[in-house]
Protein backbone atom coordinates (compact mmCIF):
# COMPACT_ATOMS: atom_id res chain seq x y z
CA MET A 1 7.59 -3.02 17.20
CA ILE A 2 9.52 -3.96 14.03
CA LEU A 3 12.79 -2.47 15.30
CA PRO A 4 13.25 -4.71 18.50
CA VAL A 5 12.16 -7.83 16.31
CA PHE A 6 14.74 -6.82 13.69
CA LYS A 7 17.55 -6.30 16.33
CA LEU A 8 16.65 -9.59 17.82
CA GLY A 9 16.79 -11.20 14.29
CA THR A 10 20.30 -9.58 13.83
CA LEU A 11 21.60 -10.83 17.02
CA ALA A 12 20.26 -14.41 16.24
CA LEU A 13 22.02 -14.26 12.81
CA LYS A 14 25.32 -13.21 14.33
CA THR A 15 24.92 -16.01 16.84
CA LEU A 16 24.39 -18.48 14.13
CA CYS A 17 27.28 -17.25 12.10
CA LYS A 18 29.74 -18.44 14.62
CA PRO A 19 29.13 -22.18 14.25
CA ILE A 20 29.03 -21.66 10.61
CA GLY A 21 32.53 -20.15 10.87
CA ASN A 22 33.64 -23.13 13.07
CA ARG A 23 32.19 -25.38 10.37
CA ILE A 24 34.43 -23.68 7.77
CA LYS A 25 37.33 -24.19 9.91
CA LYS A 26 36.72 -27.83 10.24
CA GLU A 27 36.03 -28.43 6.50
CA ALA A 28 39.18 -26.49 5.68
CA GLY A 29 41.39 -29.13 7.36
CA LEU A 30 39.64 -31.94 5.55
CA HIS A 31 39.41 -31.22 1.82
CA PRO A 32 42.93 -31.29 0.15
CA ARG A 33 42.41 -28.61 -2.50
CA PHE A 34 40.62 -26.24 -0.02
CA ARG A 35 43.43 -26.91 2.36
CA GLN A 36 46.11 -26.10 -0.05
CA SER A 37 44.25 -22.84 -0.98
CA ILE A 38 43.85 -21.81 2.63
CA ILE A 39 47.52 -22.61 3.35
CA ASN A 40 48.46 -20.25 0.45
CA ILE A 41 46.14 -17.59 1.84
CA ALA A 42 47.61 -18.03 5.37
CA GLN A 43 51.15 -17.68 4.04
CA ALA A 44 50.38 -14.64 2.17
CA ASN A 45 48.62 -13.16 5.14
CA HIS A 46 51.51 -14.13 7.38
CA ARG A 47 53.95 -12.32 5.07
CA LEU A 48 51.84 -9.25 4.92
CA THR A 49 51.29 -9.00 8.73
CA THR A 50 54.94 -9.72 9.48
CA THR A 51 56.13 -6.93 6.81
CA LEU A 52 53.66 -4.46 8.21
CA GLN A 53 54.73 -5.23 11.83
CA ARG A 54 58.46 -4.81 10.85
CA ARG A 55 57.64 -1.45 9.14
CA ILE A 56 55.59 -0.33 12.22
CA TYR A 57 58.37 -1.10 14.59
CA GLY A 58 61.19 0.23 12.34
CA HIS A 59 62.79 -3.21 11.80
CA ALA A 60 64.41 -4.20 8.41
CA THR A 61 61.81 -5.47 5.84
CA ASP A 62 64.29 -7.04 3.37
CA VAL A 63 64.89 -10.00 5.67
CA ALA A 64 63.51 -13.38 4.64
CA ILE A 65 60.18 -14.32 6.33
CA ARG A 66 59.90 -17.89 7.41
CA PRO A 67 56.80 -19.53 6.30
CA LEU A 68 54.22 -21.04 8.85
CA ASN A 69 54.23 -24.76 9.22
CA GLU A 70 51.46 -26.45 7.45
CA GLU A 71 49.24 -27.12 10.57
CA LYS A 72 49.72 -23.54 11.70
CA ALA A 73 48.90 -22.24 8.29
CA VAL A 74 45.70 -24.24 8.20
CA GLN A 75 44.60 -23.05 11.55
CA ALA A 76 45.43 -19.52 10.92
CA ALA A 77 43.66 -19.45 7.52
CA ALA A 78 40.66 -21.28 8.84
CA ASP A 79 40.57 -18.63 11.85
CA LEU A 80 40.87 -16.05 9.15
CA LEU A 81 38.04 -17.43 7.00
CA GLY A 82 35.70 -17.97 9.99
CA GLU A 83 36.15 -14.41 11.30
CA LEU A 84 35.85 -13.03 7.79
CA PHE A 85 32.50 -14.82 7.44
CA VAL A 86 31.32 -13.58 10.82
CA PHE A 87 32.43 -9.90 10.01
CA THR A 88 30.91 -10.13 6.52
CA VAL A 89 27.55 -11.13 7.96
CA ALA A 90 27.88 -8.36 10.50
CA GLY A 91 28.72 -5.82 7.83
CA VAL A 92 25.71 -7.02 5.73
CA ALA A 93 23.46 -6.64 8.75
CA VAL A 94 24.73 -3.13 9.38
CA VAL A 95 24.29 -2.17 5.64
CA PHE A 96 20.77 -3.51 5.72
CA GLU A 97 19.93 -1.54 8.99
CA VAL A 98 21.36 1.64 7.36
CA GLN A 99 19.19 1.13 4.31
CA ARG A 100 16.21 0.35 6.40
CA SER A 101 16.70 3.55 8.44
CA SER A 102 17.22 5.54 5.29
CA ARG A 103 14.06 4.35 3.79
CA SER A 104 12.29 5.13 7.00
CA GLU A 105 13.71 8.73 6.97
CA ALA A 106 12.69 9.02 3.31
CA ARG A 107 9.12 8.13 4.14
CA LYS A 108 9.05 10.65 7.01
CA GLU A 109 10.40 13.28 4.72
CA GLU A 110 7.73 12.53 2.09
CA LEU A 111 5.10 12.82 4.66
CA ARG A 112 6.64 16.14 5.77
CA LYS A 113 6.60 17.39 2.25
CA GLN A 114 2.86 16.38 1.78
CA GLU A 115 2.00 18.31 4.94
CA LEU A 116 3.78 21.34 3.67
CA GLU A 117 2.01 21.19 0.40
CA VAL A 118 -1.41 21.05 2.21
CA MET A 119 -0.36 23.84 4.36
CA ARG A 120 0.75 25.89 1.29
CA GLN A 121 -2.60 25.23 -0.38
CA ARG A 122 -4.46 26.34 2.67
CA ASP A 123 -2.30 29.40 2.86
CA GLU A 124 -3.12 30.24 -0.73
CA GLU A 125 -6.86 29.67 -0.07
CA LEU A 126 -6.62 32.01 2.89
CA ALA A 127 -4.87 34.61 0.75
CA ARG A 128 -7.63 34.46 -1.94
CA GLU A 129 -10.32 34.85 0.83
CA VAL A 130 -8.41 37.92 2.27
CA GLU A 131 -8.18 39.45 -1.30
CA GLN A 132 -11.93 38.90 -1.66
CA LEU A 133 -12.66 40.42 1.74
CA LYS A 134 -10.41 43.42 0.89
CA HIS A 135 -12.51 43.82 -2.30
CA ARG A 136 -15.74 43.75 -0.49
CA LEU A 137 -14.41 46.22 2.05
CA THR A 138 -13.37 48.45 -0.69
CA GLU A 139 -16.86 48.33 -2.29
CA LEU A 140 -18.41 49.03 1.13
CA GLU A 141 -16.06 52.11 1.58
CA GLN A 142 -16.96 53.36 -1.72
CA LEU A 143 -20.75 53.01 -0.95
CA THR A 144 -20.18 54.73 2.35
CA LYS A 145 -18.56 57.67 0.69
CA GLU A 146 -21.32 57.97 -1.98
CA ARG A 147 -24.34 57.78 0.34
CA GLY A 148 -22.92 58.37 3.60
CA LEU A 149 -22.91 56.19 6.64
CA SER A 150 -26.71 56.20 6.98
CA GLY A 151 -27.17 55.27 3.35
CA VAL A 152 -25.01 52.21 3.64
CA PHE A 153 -27.13 51.00 6.82
CA ASN A 154 -30.40 51.75 4.94
CA PHE A 155 -29.18 50.54 1.61
CA ARG A 156 -31.73 47.68 1.24
CA HIS A 157 -34.55 49.82 2.70
CA SER A 158 -33.80 52.59 0.31
CA LYS A 159 -33.81 50.37 -2.71
CA ALA A 160 -37.10 49.00 -1.61
CA THR A 161 -38.64 52.44 -1.16
CA ASP A 162 -37.09 53.54 -4.56
CA ASN A 163 -38.78 50.60 -6.29
CA LYS A 164 -42.19 51.44 -4.61
CA THR A 165 -41.95 55.01 -5.74
CA LYS A 166 -41.13 53.90 -9.22
CA ASP A 167 -44.01 51.51 -9.17
CA THR A 168 -46.48 54.15 -7.94
CA HIS A 169 -45.25 56.70 -10.50
CA SER A 170 -45.61 54.57 -13.46
CA SER A 171 -49.22 53.38 -12.78
């Protein structure tokens, strides 16, 4: 029951993140300080991606990289920040799901350990009972050897007659 609700909540969170990302893009274009910061981020990102692409394709990397114009830089940085926000939320959701699953597995493992402990205790009790039965069997075997088979079966009867004869002789 909890897993489907959690997955639905995660999906709703991801869906809500997209408008928040778009809001970040919009605000990035309006505030001058924020705008300059994201332009710098966009220019650094542009230089990095261009250099990486040139290295991948085997082109010269010591060539000057032309900076983006201001509007393209704002748009690129706003897109970058919006996507970064969405991926961050998705990453946090994945980490949370992994932790939840890990806790669930830990609870299951603890239950398994408890069950094994109960089974071990029961096994020890059974082993003690087997030892007691072996001891009783040994006693019965000794009685059988001493009195013979008929003496074991008449053990109580012979004790009772022994007691009666002792009573009659002492009177």
